[in-house]
């Protein structure tokens, strides 16, 4: 076994070791820090460090905070018996070694003081139950009673104790297991997998916020599609994300099939994840076809159709976000916008691209145009390499056209050259219907390429439309200063 002391060179470990010796308490670093260094990650990259003390974790945290000094902060959570020390980029959590028991109806454990092994056996998985001693006489010694090192080598996710007990006690661990399997590319050990499937209904006692936090972490992995397949195979997906589960399967009528929209969606998500680590863009990929089950129809002579799934999907986004306790702010509106527009560039890529169509796409997409194009390119999931190349080439043409139109007409963050206030001033009228008519006429003329996106041309059109509406100019407008 490698000498683990080489990974404990951070000064904070020496400080903890010295306090442990002075106070005659046993102290260990446990969990993700140990797992990650054994997987080859640098200890310098560790931001979250978990310390278990056979004694008072809060008392140890207070003393470590005092030793570190400077801008170090301390947060104490007495009801949980834990404390958090923040030092630079590090967050060091201290907890007293404990054993836990659970009531059926709650995730909140009954906690008692315990030994290190009591603490290790209550951990979720063997790969997270390994500890390194910070005690001077055994500094750097690895304590691995449940063979976490072996499981790392075998690349399996397994619980330290009976998996049904582990998941029954804390059902969130089922999602954590799937998340670790997805993130690390590990397999969930057979008995552990079966236990997730048999215990899945217990997820109902977990708060939606905690569930969605795990979903977000799965989405942010390198290959998130694998995580959703595991959620489906265990039966959890149908419970926590029924809209996505409904996308599963292929129907056939008169020898005509449609593709499995669930698997297609996961492929789009994986494609996009290679291009972007934006959480909300990834959510857009996950939801872009979410309305296909609701819009699926078989039409004679045409086959399977999903008319208006873009618009209906966009309408579904707020209710999905609300149920999942995701933010109902500009992030939700961003996802809704991309779901609504995701077919527009695809249609353009299959037709002769007109300047007017590109202007309208730029106007509707605004600052999200680049993300929209990235989503649409990820939506190409054909197994035919020539088809993929053709579509990507066509999207390249659309992108080039977008660049040319944007440089010329500045539509992306469109602001009309003539405002409503300008129209009121020019004709000395109060807010009324004619103002909207004139503004809309100017916007449509710019988007159709009938006039350039500039003050003079918009001003002349304003006067023309105003005259047709029976308005008389009473004041001249001055062009805005550059």
Protein backbone atom coordinates (compact mmCIF):
# COMPACT_ATOMS: atom_id res chain seq x y z
CA UNK A 1 0.00 0.00 0.00
CA UNK A 2 1.26 3.49 -0.84
CA UNK A 3 2.48 5.57 2.08
CA UNK A 4 -0.62 7.71 2.61
CA UNK A 5 1.26 10.32 4.64
CA UNK A 6 2.33 11.94 1.36
CA UNK A 7 -1.29 13.07 0.89
CA UNK A 8 -1.54 14.68 4.31
CA UNK A 9 0.98 17.51 3.87
CA UNK A 10 -1.61 20.30 4.10
CA UNK A 11 -0.83 22.26 7.32
CA UNK A 12 -4.41 21.79 8.55
CA UNK A 13 -3.79 18.06 9.05
CA UNK A 14 -0.75 18.77 11.27
CA UNK A 15 -2.82 21.24 13.29
CA UNK A 16 -5.59 18.67 13.79
CA UNK A 17 -3.02 15.99 14.68
CA UNK A 18 -1.38 18.20 17.30
CA UNK A 19 -4.72 19.10 18.92
CA UNK A 20 -5.74 15.41 18.90
CA UNK A 21 -2.51 14.48 20.69
CA UNK A 22 -2.84 17.31 23.22
CA UNK A 23 -6.47 16.44 24.02
CA UNK A 24 -6.00 12.64 23.83
CA UNK A 25 -8.80 12.16 21.27
CA UNK A 26 -8.73 10.02 18.16
CA UNK A 27 -9.22 11.94 14.89
CA UNK A 28 -9.46 10.84 11.25
CA UNK A 29 -10.04 12.27 7.78
CA UNK A 30 -12.79 10.24 6.14
CA UNK A 31 -14.97 9.98 3.05
CA UNK A 32 -14.53 11.77 -0.26
CA UNK A 33 -11.01 13.09 0.41
CA UNK A 34 -9.70 9.56 0.95
CA UNK A 35 -11.67 8.13 -1.97
CA UNK A 36 -10.49 10.78 -4.41
CA UNK A 37 -6.78 10.57 -3.60
CA UNK A 38 -6.96 6.79 -4.02
CA UNK A 39 -8.53 7.45 -7.42
CA UNK A 40 -5.49 9.52 -8.32
CA UNK A 41 -6.70 13.05 -7.67
CA UNK A 42 -4.38 15.59 -6.11
CA UNK A 43 -5.08 16.40 -2.45
CA UNK A 44 -4.48 20.05 -3.37
CA UNK A 45 -7.73 19.94 -5.37
CA UNK A 46 -9.76 18.90 -2.33
CA UNK A 47 -12.20 21.63 -1.34
CA UNK A 48 -14.37 19.54 1.04
CA UNK A 49 -12.67 17.63 3.83
CA UNK A 50 -14.58 15.54 6.40
CA UNK A 51 -13.03 14.97 9.82
CA UNK A 52 -14.45 12.47 12.33
CA UNK A 53 -13.49 12.80 15.98
CA UNK A 54 -14.02 10.11 18.60
CA UNK A 55 -15.28 12.80 20.91
CA UNK A 56 -16.64 16.29 20.25
CA UNK A 57 -16.35 17.40 16.64
CA UNK A 58 -17.54 20.89 17.60
CA UNK A 59 -14.84 21.27 20.23
CA UNK A 60 -12.16 20.16 17.75
CA UNK A 61 -13.48 22.60 15.12
CA UNK A 62 -13.32 25.53 17.54
CA UNK A 63 -9.71 24.76 18.43
CA UNK A 64 -8.69 24.28 14.76
CA UNK A 65 -10.32 27.60 13.89
CA UNK A 66 -8.34 29.35 16.62
CA UNK A 67 -5.08 27.77 15.42
CA UNK A 68 -5.66 28.71 11.78
CA UNK A 69 -6.56 32.31 12.66
CA UNK A 70 -6.73 34.91 9.91
CA UNK A 71 -9.94 34.99 7.88
CA UNK A 72 -10.99 31.52 9.00
CA UNK A 73 -14.71 31.22 9.83
CA UNK A 74 -16.58 28.74 12.01
CA UNK A 75 -20.21 27.60 11.73
CA UNK A 76 -21.66 25.35 14.43
CA UNK A 77 -24.71 23.11 13.94
CA UNK A 78 -25.48 21.91 17.47
CA UNK A 79 -28.60 19.95 16.52
CA UNK A 80 -26.48 17.82 14.17
CA UNK A 81 -23.38 17.77 16.36
CA UNK A 82 -21.27 19.14 13.50
CA UNK A 83 -19.21 22.22 12.76
CA UNK A 84 -17.77 23.73 9.58
CA UNK A 85 -14.45 25.55 9.35
CA UNK A 86 -13.92 27.61 6.21
CA UNK A 87 -10.30 28.40 5.49
CA UNK A 88 -9.42 29.82 2.09
CA UNK A 89 -11.04 27.58 -0.50
CA UNK A 90 -11.36 24.70 1.96
CA UNK A 91 -14.50 23.68 3.82
CA UNK A 92 -13.59 21.33 6.66
CA UNK A 93 -16.50 19.60 8.38
CA UNK A 94 -16.02 18.13 11.85
CA UNK A 95 -18.33 15.52 13.38
CA UNK A 96 -18.14 13.33 16.42
CA UNK A 97 -18.02 9.59 15.71
CA UNK A 98 -21.54 8.27 16.08
CA UNK A 99 -23.92 5.43 15.48
CA UNK A 100 -27.38 6.06 14.14
CA UNK A 101 -30.81 4.47 14.09
CA UNK A 102 -33.81 5.62 12.09
CA UNK A 103 -37.58 5.76 12.39
CA UNK A 104 -39.51 4.45 9.38
CA UNK A 105 -41.20 7.75 8.65
CA UNK A 106 -38.16 10.01 8.84
CA UNK A 107 -34.66 10.55 7.49
CA UNK A 108 -33.63 12.19 10.78
CA UNK A 109 -31.57 9.68 12.76
CA UNK A 110 -31.43 8.99 16.47
CA UNK A 111 -27.76 9.67 17.17
CA UNK A 112 -25.52 8.20 19.88
CA UNK A 113 -21.79 8.55 20.47
CA UNK A 114 -19.86 5.73 18.87
CA UNK A 115 -16.52 4.36 17.72
CA UNK A 116 -14.79 5.02 14.42
CA UNK A 117 -16.15 1.74 13.03
CA UNK A 118 -19.67 2.69 14.19
CA UNK A 119 -19.22 5.83 12.13
CA UNK A 120 -17.82 4.00 9.13
CA UNK A 121 -20.61 1.42 8.98
CA UNK A 122 -23.27 4.18 8.91
CA UNK A 123 -21.65 5.67 5.77
CA UNK A 124 -23.46 5.23 2.46
CA UNK A 125 -20.89 3.23 0.46
CA UNK A 126 -17.68 1.38 1.13
CA UNK A 127 -15.70 3.75 -1.09
CA UNK A 128 -16.84 6.62 1.16
CA UNK A 129 -16.19 4.79 4.44
CA UNK A 130 -12.39 4.70 4.30
CA UNK A 131 -10.48 6.79 6.86
CA UNK A 132 -6.91 8.01 7.35
CA UNK A 133 -5.58 8.40 10.87
CA UNK A 134 -4.47 11.89 11.92
CA UNK A 135 -3.20 10.61 15.27
CA UNK A 136 0.57 11.04 15.73
CA UNK A 137 1.33 7.39 16.48
CA UNK A 138 -0.58 6.10 13.43
CA UNK A 139 -0.52 9.20 11.21
CA UNK A 140 -1.50 8.28 7.63
CA UNK A 141 -2.68 4.75 8.45
CA UNK A 142 -5.60 3.64 6.27
CA UNK A 143 -8.59 2.14 8.08
CA UNK A 144 -10.73 0.22 5.62
CA UNK A 145 -12.87 -2.36 7.45
CA UNK A 146 -15.37 -2.74 4.59
CA UNK A 147 -12.84 -3.20 1.75
CA UNK A 148 -13.39 0.14 0.01
CA UNK A 149 -9.98 -0.07 -1.69
CA UNK A 150 -10.95 -3.38 -3.25
CA UNK A 151 -14.25 -1.89 -4.44
CA UNK A 152 -12.39 1.04 -5.99
CA UNK A 153 -10.19 -1.42 -7.86
CA UNK A 154 -13.23 -3.44 -8.98
CA UNK A 155 -15.11 -0.22 -9.81
CA UNK A 156 -18.23 -1.15 -7.90
CA UNK A 157 -20.65 0.74 -5.64
CA UNK A 158 -21.52 -1.31 -2.54
CA UNK A 159 -22.89 -0.49 0.91
CA UNK A 160 -20.92 -1.24 4.12
CA UNK A 161 -23.88 -3.05 5.69
CA UNK A 162 -27.03 -4.73 4.39
CA UNK A 163 -28.07 -2.49 1.46
CA UNK A 164 -31.79 -2.67 2.27
CA UNK A 165 -31.03 -1.37 5.75
CA UNK A 166 -28.82 1.38 4.31
CA UNK A 167 -31.48 2.60 1.87
CA UNK A 168 -34.40 2.05 4.21
CA UNK A 169 -32.67 4.22 6.82
CA UNK A 170 -31.77 7.02 4.41
CA UNK A 171 -33.41 6.68 0.95
CA UNK A 172 -31.42 9.60 -0.47
CA UNK A 173 -28.49 7.18 -0.57
CA UNK A 174 -30.19 5.44 -3.52
CA UNK A 175 -29.77 8.57 -5.63
CA UNK A 176 -26.26 9.13 -4.30
CA UNK A 177 -25.33 5.59 -5.37
CA UNK A 178 -26.57 6.24 -8.89
CA UNK A 179 -24.78 9.57 -8.94
CA UNK A 180 -21.45 8.02 -7.87
CA UNK A 181 -21.86 5.18 -10.39
CA UNK A 182 -22.50 7.76 -13.12
CA UNK A 183 -19.73 10.14 -12.14
CA UNK A 184 -17.05 7.47 -11.61
CA UNK A 185 -18.16 5.07 -14.35
CA UNK A 186 -18.62 2.32 -11.73
CA UNK A 187 -21.12 -0.53 -11.64
CA UNK A 188 -23.62 -0.83 -8.80
CA UNK A 189 -23.04 -4.20 -7.11
CA UNK A 190 -25.91 -6.65 -7.76
CA UNK A 191 -27.33 -6.87 -4.23
CA UNK A 192 -27.05 -3.11 -3.83
CA UNK A 193 -28.86 -2.58 -7.14
CA UNK A 194 -31.64 -4.99 -6.18
CA UNK A 195 -32.03 -3.19 -2.85
CA UNK A 196 -32.50 0.15 -4.62
CA UNK A 197 -35.23 -1.40 -6.76
CA UNK A 198 -37.01 -3.01 -3.81
CA UNK A 199 -36.72 0.06 -1.57
CA UNK A 200 -37.47 2.71 -4.22
CA UNK A 201 -40.85 3.77 -2.74
CA UNK A 202 -39.01 5.02 0.37
CA UNK A 203 -37.78 7.96 -1.71
CA UNK A 204 -41.13 9.59 -0.90
CA UNK A 205 -39.89 10.63 2.56
CA UNK A 206 -37.00 12.63 1.06
CA UNK A 207 -37.53 16.35 0.45
CA UNK A 208 -37.86 17.43 -3.16
CA UNK A 209 -34.97 19.87 -2.72
CA UNK A 210 -32.59 17.02 -1.82
CA UNK A 211 -33.84 14.89 -4.72
CA UNK A 212 -33.39 17.73 -7.21
CA UNK A 213 -29.92 18.47 -5.87
CA UNK A 214 -28.93 14.88 -6.71
CA UNK A 215 -30.59 15.17 -10.14
CA UNK A 216 -28.55 18.29 -10.82
CA UNK A 217 -25.35 16.50 -9.80
CA UNK A 218 -26.19 13.59 -12.11
CA UNK A 219 -26.90 16.02 -14.95
CA UNK A 220 -23.51 17.66 -14.38
CA UNK A 221 -21.55 14.41 -14.77
CA UNK A 222 -19.55 13.64 -17.90
CA UNK A 223 -22.10 11.11 -19.23
CA UNK A 224 -25.38 11.98 -17.48
CA UNK A 225 -27.48 9.77 -19.76
CA UNK A 226 -26.11 6.71 -17.93
CA UNK A 227 -27.46 8.07 -14.66
CA UNK A 228 -30.98 8.41 -16.04
CA UNK A 229 -30.85 4.89 -17.45
CA UNK A 230 -29.93 3.65 -13.96
CA UNK A 231 -32.76 5.71 -12.46
CA UNK A 232 -35.11 4.04 -14.93
CA UNK A 233 -33.83 0.50 -14.38
CA UNK A 234 -34.22 0.81 -10.61
CA UNK A 235 -37.76 2.19 -10.94
CA UNK A 236 -36.86 5.52 -9.36
CA UNK A 237 -37.35 7.55 -12.53
CA UNK A 238 -41.09 6.81 -12.72
CA UNK A 239 -41.46 8.10 -9.15
CA UNK A 240 -39.31 11.23 -9.22
CA UNK A 241 -39.55 12.27 -12.88
CA UNK A 242 -42.72 10.80 -14.43
CA UNK A 243 -42.69 13.17 -17.43
CA UNK A 244 -39.33 11.78 -18.53
CA UNK A 245 -40.42 8.20 -17.85
CA UNK A 246 -43.44 8.64 -20.15
CA UNK A 247 -41.07 9.23 -23.07
CA UNK A 248 -39.94 5.59 -22.96
CA UNK A 249 -40.79 3.01 -25.55
CA UNK A 250 -41.55 2.67 -29.25
CA UNK A 251 -45.02 2.35 -30.79
CA UNK A 252 -45.64 0.65 -34.12
CA UNK A 253 -48.60 1.00 -36.43
CA UNK A 254 -48.89 -0.38 -39.95
CA UNK A 255 -45.23 -1.34 -39.82
CA UNK A 256 -44.15 2.21 -38.99
CA UNK A 257 -42.22 2.94 -35.78
CA UNK A 258 -40.98 6.11 -34.16
CA UNK A 259 -37.69 6.35 -32.29
CA UNK A 260 -37.50 5.88 -28.52
CA UNK A 261 -37.72 9.50 -27.41
CA UNK A 262 -36.34 8.71 -23.96
CA UNK A 263 -33.12 7.22 -25.33
CA UNK A 264 -32.92 9.99 -27.95
CA UNK A 265 -33.18 12.62 -25.20
CA UNK A 266 -30.38 11.02 -23.20
CA UNK A 267 -28.22 10.91 -26.31
CA UNK A 268 -28.87 14.63 -26.89
CA UNK A 269 -27.98 15.33 -23.24
CA UNK A 270 -24.72 13.37 -23.54
CA UNK A 271 -23.88 15.10 -26.84
CA UNK A 272 -24.45 18.51 -25.31
CA UNK A 273 -22.48 17.63 -22.19
CA UNK A 274 -19.39 17.27 -24.37
CA UNK A 275 -19.84 20.89 -25.45
CA UNK A 276 -21.09 22.72 -22.36
CA UNK A 277 -21.02 22.46 -18.57
CA UNK A 278 -23.91 24.90 -18.18
CA UNK A 279 -26.47 23.21 -15.91
CA UNK A 280 -29.49 24.99 -17.40
CA UNK A 281 -28.45 24.33 -20.99
CA UNK A 282 -28.23 20.66 -20.02
CA UNK A 283 -31.73 20.91 -18.52
CA UNK A 284 -32.88 22.33 -21.86
CA UNK A 285 -31.54 19.21 -23.58
CA UNK A 286 -33.32 16.97 -21.06
CA UNK A 287 -36.65 18.76 -21.59
CA UNK A 288 -36.49 19.71 -25.28
CA UNK A 289 -38.81 16.86 -26.37
CA UNK A 290 -40.70 16.47 -23.09
CA UNK A 291 -44.10 17.05 -24.75
CA UNK A 292 -43.70 14.32 -27.37
CA UNK A 293 -45.79 11.77 -25.43
CA UNK A 294 -48.63 14.31 -25.17
CA UNK A 295 -48.48 15.25 -28.85
CA UNK A 296 -47.85 11.82 -30.42
CA UNK A 297 -50.29 11.01 -33.22
CA UNK A 298 -50.35 8.54 -36.11
CA UNK A 299 -51.47 10.23 -39.30
CA UNK A 300 -52.46 8.25 -42.37
CA UNK A 301 -49.96 8.67 -45.18
CA UNK A 302 -47.54 10.56 -42.92
CA UNK A 303 -46.74 8.31 -39.98
CA UNK A 304 -45.98 9.39 -36.44
CA UNK A 305 -46.17 13.12 -35.73
CA UNK A 306 -45.48 15.30 -32.70
CA UNK A 307 -47.04 18.57 -33.84
CA UNK A 308 -46.43 21.59 -31.56
CA UNK A 309 -44.36 19.59 -29.08
CA UNK A 310 -42.02 22.59 -28.90
CA UNK A 311 -44.76 25.00 -27.81
CA UNK A 312 -46.50 22.54 -25.49
CA UNK A 313 -43.14 21.50 -24.02
CA UNK A 314 -42.35 25.13 -23.26
CA UNK A 315 -45.67 25.41 -21.42
CA UNK A 316 -44.78 22.32 -19.36
CA UNK A 317 -41.45 23.72 -18.16
CA UNK A 318 -42.80 26.00 -15.37
CA UNK A 319 -44.91 23.24 -13.81
CA UNK A 320 -41.99 20.77 -13.95
CA UNK A 321 -39.64 23.30 -12.36
CA UNK A 322 -42.22 24.12 -9.69
CA UNK A 323 -42.77 20.46 -8.78
CA UNK A 324 -39.03 19.74 -8.72
CA UNK A 325 -38.42 22.87 -6.60
CA UNK A 326 -36.06 24.25 -9.22
CA UNK A 327 -35.72 28.05 -9.51
CA UNK A 328 -38.73 29.80 -11.03
CA UNK A 329 -36.67 32.78 -12.18
CA UNK A 330 -34.67 33.67 -15.27
CA UNK A 331 -33.11 30.18 -15.26
CA UNK A 332 -36.53 28.59 -15.77
CA UNK A 333 -37.36 31.19 -18.45
CA UNK A 334 -34.07 30.40 -20.19
CA UNK A 335 -34.90 26.66 -20.34
CA UNK A 336 -38.46 27.43 -21.46
CA UNK A 337 -37.16 29.66 -24.24
CA UNK A 338 -34.76 27.04 -25.61
CA UNK A 339 -37.41 24.31 -25.48
CA UNK A 340 -39.80 26.58 -27.40
CA UNK A 341 -37.25 27.51 -30.06
CA UNK A 342 -35.34 24.24 -30.48
CA UNK A 343 -36.96 23.37 -33.82
CA UNK A 344 -36.39 26.75 -35.46
CA UNK A 345 -32.71 26.34 -36.44
CA UNK A 346 -33.45 22.75 -37.55
CA UNK A 347 -36.10 24.00 -39.98
CA UNK A 348 -33.71 26.67 -41.26
CA UNK A 349 -30.97 24.10 -41.81
CA UNK A 350 -33.27 22.12 -44.10
CA UNK A 351 -34.34 25.05 -46.26
CA UNK A 352 -32.79 27.88 -48.18
CA UNK A 353 -31.78 30.26 -45.42
CA UNK A 354 -33.33 33.68 -46.00
CA UNK A 355 -32.09 36.82 -44.30
CA UNK A 356 -35.59 37.46 -42.98
CA UNK A 357 -35.82 34.04 -41.31
CA UNK A 358 -32.43 34.51 -39.67
CA UNK A 359 -33.37 37.98 -38.44
CA UNK A 360 -36.52 36.58 -36.84
CA UNK A 361 -34.57 33.76 -35.21
CA UNK A 362 -32.04 36.26 -33.86
CA UNK A 363 -34.84 38.50 -32.59
CA UNK A 364 -36.65 35.64 -30.82
CA UNK A 365 -33.54 33.94 -29.41
CA UNK A 366 -31.69 37.12 -28.46
CA UNK A 367 -28.58 36.48 -26.34
CA UNK A 368 -29.41 32.76 -26.17
CA UNK A 369 -28.82 32.22 -29.91
CA UNK A 370 -25.42 30.53 -29.44
CA UNK A 371 -26.76 28.17 -26.77
CA UNK A 372 -29.76 27.40 -28.99
CA UNK A 373 -27.49 26.43 -31.87
CA UNK A 374 -25.41 24.24 -29.54
CA UNK A 375 -28.58 22.46 -28.39
CA UNK A 376 -29.74 21.92 -31.97
CA UNK A 377 -26.39 20.48 -33.02
CA UNK A 378 -26.54 18.09 -30.05
CA UNK A 379 -30.02 17.06 -31.28
CA UNK A 380 -28.44 15.28 -34.26
CA UNK A 381 -28.43 11.66 -33.10
CA UNK A 382 -28.50 9.74 -36.38
CA UNK A 383 -26.34 6.60 -36.53
CA UNK A 384 -25.61 7.41 -40.18
CA UNK A 385 -22.32 9.30 -40.26
CA UNK A 386 -23.11 10.93 -43.62
CA UNK A 387 -26.42 12.22 -42.28
CA UNK A 388 -24.72 13.71 -39.23
CA UNK A 389 -22.09 15.42 -41.41
CA UNK A 390 -24.77 16.83 -43.71
CA UNK A 391 -26.79 18.26 -40.83
CA UNK A 392 -23.71 19.72 -39.15
CA UNK A 393 -22.67 21.31 -42.44
CA UNK A 394 -26.12 22.86 -42.81
CA UNK A 395 -25.99 24.17 -39.25
CA UNK A 396 -22.60 25.66 -40.08
CA UNK A 397 -24.27 27.58 -42.91
CA UNK A 398 -26.96 28.82 -40.52
CA UNK A 399 -24.30 29.90 -38.00
CA UNK A 400 -22.41 31.79 -40.71
CA UNK A 401 -25.61 33.51 -41.82
CA UNK A 402 -26.36 34.46 -38.21
CA UNK A 403 -22.91 36.05 -37.90
CA UNK A 404 -23.34 38.01 -41.14
CA UNK A 405 -26.83 39.27 -40.28
CA UNK A 406 -25.83 40.16 -36.73
CA UNK A 407 -22.83 42.18 -37.91
CA UNK A 408 -25.02 44.05 -40.38
CA UNK A 409 -28.33 44.49 -38.56
CA UNK A 410 -27.57 44.06 -34.81
CA UNK A 411 -30.74 42.09 -34.14
CA UNK A 412 -29.51 39.84 -31.30
CA UNK A 413 -30.22 42.41 -28.56
CA UNK A 414 -32.78 44.26 -30.61
CA UNK A 415 -33.80 47.70 -29.39
CA UNK A 416 -36.15 49.58 -31.76
CA UNK A 417 -34.60 52.75 -33.24
CA UNK A 418 -37.86 54.54 -32.42
CA UNK A 419 -39.36 54.12 -28.94
CA UNK A 420 -42.92 54.53 -27.76
CA UNK A 421 -41.92 57.80 -26.06
CA UNK A 422 -40.53 59.03 -29.38
CA UNK A 423 -43.84 58.31 -31.12
CA UNK A 424 -45.82 60.09 -28.38
CA UNK A 425 -43.56 63.12 -28.67
CA UNK A 426 -43.61 63.24 -32.48
CA UNK A 427 -47.41 63.19 -32.72
CA UNK A 428 -48.24 64.66 -29.29
CA UNK A 429 -50.50 61.75 -28.35
CA UNK A 430 -51.13 59.79 -25.15
CA UNK A 431 -50.41 56.04 -24.78
CA UNK A 432 -52.80 54.38 -27.19
CA UNK A 433 -53.24 51.71 -29.86
CA UNK A 434 -51.55 53.71 -32.71
CA UNK A 435 -48.26 53.67 -30.80
CA UNK A 436 -48.27 49.84 -30.75
CA UNK A 437 -49.21 49.72 -34.43
CA UNK A 438 -46.32 52.00 -35.41
CA UNK A 439 -43.77 50.19 -33.20
CA UNK A 440 -44.80 46.78 -34.54
CA UNK A 441 -44.71 48.02 -38.17
CA UNK A 442 -41.15 49.28 -37.67
CA UNK A 443 -40.07 45.99 -36.05
CA UNK A 444 -41.63 43.87 -38.82
CA UNK A 445 -40.09 46.03 -41.53
CA UNK A 446 -36.62 45.62 -39.99
CA UNK A 447 -37.01 41.87 -39.55
CA UNK A 448 -38.26 41.47 -43.13
CA UNK A 449 -35.32 43.51 -44.41
CA UNK A 450 -37.57 46.24 -45.84
CA UNK A 451 -35.66 48.92 -43.94
CA UNK A 452 -32.26 48.85 -42.18
CA UNK A 453 -32.10 48.78 -38.37
CA UNK A 454 -31.32 52.47 -38.05
CA UNK A 455 -32.96 55.69 -36.89
CA UNK A 456 -33.45 57.53 -40.19
CA UNK A 457 -35.26 54.70 -41.99
CA UNK A 458 -37.40 53.94 -38.92
CA UNK A 459 -38.24 57.64 -38.54
CA UNK A 460 -39.47 57.90 -42.13
CA UNK A 461 -41.60 54.78 -41.73
CA UNK A 462 -43.02 56.16 -38.47
CA UNK A 463 -44.19 59.30 -40.27
CA UNK A 464 -45.68 57.27 -43.11
CA UNK A 465 -47.63 54.90 -40.83
CA UNK A 466 -48.66 57.81 -38.61
CA UNK A 467 -50.09 59.68 -41.60
CA UNK A 468 -52.04 56.58 -42.64
CA UNK A 469 -53.50 56.48 -39.12
CA UNK A 470 -54.53 60.14 -39.35
CA UNK A 471 -51.82 61.46 -37.03
CA UNK A 472 -50.05 64.77 -37.57
CA UNK A 473 -46.43 65.39 -36.69
CA UNK A 474 -46.01 68.24 -34.20
CA UNK A 475 -42.40 67.71 -33.16
CA UNK A 476 -39.19 66.64 -34.90
CA UNK A 477 -37.06 63.94 -33.34
CA UNK A 478 -33.30 64.00 -33.13
CA UNK A 479 -31.33 60.80 -33.81
CA UNK A 480 -29.69 59.31 -30.70
CA UNK A 481 -26.06 60.13 -30.09
CA UNK A 482 -23.61 57.31 -30.84
